[in-house]
Protein backbone atom coordinates (compact mmCIF):
# COMPACT_ATOMS: atom_id res chain seq x y z
CA UNK A 1 68.55 62.42 -47.51
CA UNK A 2 69.24 61.10 -44.01
CA UNK A 3 68.28 57.64 -42.91
CA UNK A 4 66.06 59.10 -40.17
CA UNK A 5 64.12 61.07 -42.77
CA UNK A 6 63.66 57.94 -44.87
CA UNK A 7 62.70 55.75 -41.92
CA UNK A 8 59.57 56.91 -40.04
CA UNK A 9 60.44 54.51 -37.19
CA UNK A 10 63.66 56.44 -36.52
CA UNK A 11 61.91 59.72 -35.76
CA UNK A 12 60.51 60.34 -32.29
CA UNK A 13 56.86 61.34 -32.47
CA UNK A 14 54.30 62.47 -29.90
CA UNK A 15 53.83 58.94 -28.54
CA UNK A 16 57.58 58.31 -28.29
CA UNK A 17 58.15 61.54 -26.37
CA UNK A 18 55.17 60.93 -24.09
CA UNK A 19 56.38 57.41 -23.27
CA UNK A 20 59.83 58.67 -22.32
CA UNK A 21 58.32 61.39 -20.14
CA UNK A 22 56.21 58.77 -18.34
CA UNK A 23 59.26 56.56 -17.73
CA UNK A 24 58.51 53.87 -20.32
CA UNK A 25 61.21 52.77 -22.77
CA UNK A 26 58.96 52.65 -25.85
CA UNK A 27 55.79 54.13 -27.34
CA UNK A 28 54.20 50.66 -27.48
CA UNK A 29 52.93 51.23 -23.94
CA UNK A 30 50.11 53.35 -25.39
CA UNK A 31 48.97 50.47 -27.59
CA UNK A 32 48.53 48.20 -24.57
CA UNK A 33 46.99 51.02 -22.54
CA UNK A 34 44.33 51.52 -25.22
CA UNK A 35 43.69 47.78 -25.58
CA UNK A 36 43.37 47.54 -21.80
CA UNK A 37 41.02 50.51 -21.63
CA UNK A 38 38.79 49.22 -24.43
CA UNK A 39 38.64 45.59 -23.27
CA UNK A 40 39.09 45.90 -19.47
CA UNK A 41 41.93 43.44 -19.80
CA UNK A 42 44.12 43.82 -16.69
CA UNK A 43 43.16 43.88 -13.02
CA UNK A 44 44.87 43.59 -9.65
CA UNK A 45 46.00 40.10 -8.69
CA UNK A 46 46.11 38.66 -12.21
CA UNK A 47 48.79 36.33 -13.55
CA UNK A 48 50.17 37.55 -16.87
CA UNK A 49 52.57 36.14 -19.48
CA UNK A 50 54.26 38.74 -21.72
CA UNK A 51 55.87 37.25 -24.85
CA UNK A 52 58.15 39.53 -26.84
CA UNK A 53 58.56 41.81 -23.84
CA UNK A 54 61.63 43.90 -24.78
CA UNK A 55 62.30 46.71 -24.29
CA UNK A 56 59.81 46.40 -21.43
CA UNK A 57 56.97 48.90 -21.79
CA UNK A 58 54.19 46.28 -21.85
CA UNK A 59 55.72 44.43 -18.88
CA UNK A 60 56.01 47.66 -16.89
CA UNK A 61 52.42 48.65 -17.64
CA UNK A 62 51.02 45.18 -16.89
CA UNK A 63 52.99 44.92 -13.64
CA UNK A 64 51.54 48.24 -12.51
CA UNK A 65 47.99 47.13 -13.30
CA UNK A 66 48.20 43.72 -11.59
CA UNK A 67 49.93 45.19 -8.55
CA UNK A 68 51.93 43.43 -5.81
CA UNK A 69 49.37 40.60 -5.53
CA UNK A 70 49.72 39.70 -9.21
CA UNK A 71 52.45 37.79 -11.01
CA UNK A 72 54.03 38.50 -14.39
CA UNK A 73 56.50 36.49 -16.45
CA UNK A 74 58.17 38.40 -19.31
CA UNK A 75 60.17 36.72 -22.08
CA UNK A 76 62.21 38.03 -25.00
CA UNK A 77 65.28 37.31 -27.12
CA UNK A 78 66.77 40.60 -25.92
CA UNK A 79 67.27 41.94 -22.37
CA UNK A 80 64.83 44.49 -21.02
CA UNK A 81 65.78 48.15 -20.89
CA UNK A 82 64.06 48.59 -17.52
CA UNK A 83 63.90 46.97 -14.10
CA UNK A 84 60.65 45.22 -13.18
CA UNK A 85 59.03 45.18 -9.74
CA UNK A 86 59.16 42.19 -7.42
CA UNK A 87 55.94 40.61 -8.69
CA UNK A 88 57.49 40.26 -12.15
CA UNK A 89 60.20 37.96 -13.50
CA UNK A 90 62.06 38.04 -16.82
CA UNK A 91 64.21 35.62 -18.75
CA UNK A 92 65.84 35.57 -22.16
CA UNK A 93 64.51 32.97 -24.55
CA UNK A 94 63.05 32.28 -27.97
CA UNK A 95 59.30 31.70 -27.83
CA UNK A 96 59.54 29.37 -30.83
CA UNK A 97 61.95 27.01 -29.07
CA UNK A 98 60.93 27.35 -25.42
CA UNK A 99 58.82 24.55 -23.98
CA UNK A 100 55.56 25.16 -22.19
CA UNK A 101 57.32 24.06 -19.00
CA UNK A 102 59.77 26.96 -19.42
CA UNK A 103 56.86 29.38 -19.61
CA UNK A 104 54.69 27.89 -16.87
CA UNK A 105 56.28 29.61 -13.83
CA UNK A 106 53.10 31.50 -12.88
CA UNK A 107 50.56 29.49 -14.88
CA UNK A 108 47.67 29.32 -15.34
CA UNK A 109 47.70 32.83 -16.81
CA UNK A 110 44.69 35.12 -16.75
CA UNK A 111 46.16 37.06 -19.66
CA UNK A 112 48.69 36.06 -22.32
CA UNK A 113 50.18 39.02 -24.20
CA UNK A 114 52.23 38.80 -27.38
CA UNK A 115 53.81 41.86 -28.93
CA UNK A 116 56.22 39.59 -30.81
CA UNK A 117 57.30 40.62 -34.28
CA UNK A 118 59.88 39.10 -36.61
CA UNK A 119 63.11 40.82 -37.49
CA UNK A 120 61.89 42.19 -40.79
CA UNK A 121 63.68 41.20 -43.98
CA UNK A 122 62.12 43.74 -46.35
CA UNK A 123 60.32 40.90 -48.11
CA UNK A 124 56.65 41.47 -47.33
CA UNK A 125 55.53 37.87 -47.85
CA UNK A 126 58.37 36.48 -45.72
CA UNK A 127 57.75 38.97 -42.93
CA UNK A 128 54.02 38.25 -42.94
CA UNK A 129 54.64 34.50 -42.76
CA UNK A 130 57.02 34.91 -39.82
CA UNK A 131 54.58 37.17 -38.03
CA UNK A 132 51.85 34.56 -38.48
CA UNK A 133 54.16 31.87 -37.10
CA UNK A 134 54.90 33.93 -33.98
CA UNK A 135 51.23 34.74 -33.49
CA UNK A 136 50.18 31.10 -33.74
CA UNK A 137 52.93 30.05 -31.32
CA UNK A 138 51.73 32.63 -28.79
CA UNK A 139 48.16 31.44 -29.24
CA UNK A 140 49.23 27.82 -28.72
CA UNK A 141 50.93 28.83 -25.47
CA UNK A 142 47.75 30.61 -24.38
CA UNK A 143 45.70 27.53 -25.25
CA UNK A 144 47.87 25.39 -22.97
CA UNK A 145 48.82 27.75 -20.16
CA UNK A 146 45.90 30.19 -20.13
CA UNK A 147 43.33 30.01 -17.36
CA UNK A 148 39.68 29.22 -18.10
CA UNK A 149 37.86 32.49 -18.89
CA UNK A 150 41.26 34.10 -19.52
CA UNK A 151 42.25 36.49 -22.31
CA UNK A 152 44.77 36.71 -25.13
CA UNK A 153 46.23 39.65 -27.04
CA UNK A 154 48.45 38.94 -30.04
CA UNK A 155 50.10 41.14 -32.65
CA UNK A 156 50.09 40.03 -36.27
CA UNK A 157 50.94 41.64 -39.60
CA UNK A 158 47.89 41.96 -41.85
CA UNK A 159 48.01 39.34 -44.60
CA UNK A 160 46.03 36.51 -46.17
CA UNK A 161 46.78 34.50 -42.99
CA UNK A 162 44.76 36.85 -40.79
CA UNK A 163 41.41 35.03 -41.27
CA UNK A 164 43.07 31.76 -40.19
CA UNK A 165 44.51 33.43 -37.10
CA UNK A 166 41.16 34.97 -36.20
CA UNK A 167 39.32 31.67 -36.70
CA UNK A 168 41.68 29.94 -34.28
CA UNK A 169 41.11 32.66 -31.68
CA UNK A 170 37.35 32.23 -32.09
CA UNK A 171 37.75 28.48 -31.59
CA UNK A 172 39.60 28.99 -28.31
CA UNK A 173 37.80 32.06 -26.93
CA UNK A 174 34.17 33.06 -26.62
CA UNK A 175 34.77 36.49 -28.16
CA UNK A 176 37.30 37.74 -30.71
CA UNK A 177 37.95 41.23 -32.01
CA UNK A 178 40.49 43.18 -34.01
CA UNK A 179 42.03 46.35 -32.62
CA UNK A 180 44.39 48.81 -34.24
CA UNK A 181 45.39 51.20 -31.43
CA UNK A 182 45.84 54.88 -32.13
CA UNK A 183 49.52 54.56 -31.19
CA UNK A 184 50.16 52.31 -34.20
CA UNK A 185 52.24 54.11 -36.85
CA UNK A 186 50.39 54.88 -40.07
CA UNK A 187 52.93 52.94 -42.15
CA UNK A 188 52.61 49.80 -40.01
CA UNK A 189 50.62 46.75 -41.10
CA UNK A 190 50.37 45.41 -37.56
CA UNK A 191 47.05 44.71 -35.90
CA UNK A 192 46.07 43.08 -32.62
CA UNK A 193 43.70 40.16 -32.23
CA UNK A 194 42.04 39.97 -28.82
CA UNK A 195 40.36 36.89 -27.45
CA UNK A 196 38.33 36.90 -24.22
CA UNK A 197 36.59 34.18 -22.26
CA UNK A 198 38.89 31.22 -22.86
CA UNK A 199 36.85 28.11 -23.37
CA UNK A 200 37.36 25.25 -20.91
């Protein structure tokens, strides 16, 4: 049996094909589009930080929504597969080792996005722990660099750490909710925690 048949992530599906047709490098754009539609997340003129930006679908979508008057900083370990418009900047870096000063170019941010995920090892417990670490780092960045009344969207693998992650979002934001967008693959354990109304 081929590797593609064994690996559901290797097979292009409806969302993958639709993303390519729309000019986005990955199907993940539809996850952010749904989150945005359901939470009214992004508007013209906003300042946005995109952690774990590669291959670039979230950055492209956010840049379009904030328009020329907005500002977006995208960060990832890998280069982007697309060019971003003038209101957006990108640099290569590890969110776990970058300082807040490195990430503060357009701060304070109205929205902090994190689609970060660990390079999976196949060990469920290890992968969940690394996902939690990345989520909490993104949330710490949002706590420091996010604007009052701002928002946060972070991806995390479902695990026993999820209640801790959600509690920290509730501490920092007035509202917290879980979203699992339709574009999420059935085999995936990822979920998104959304915080809105950052407390002063």
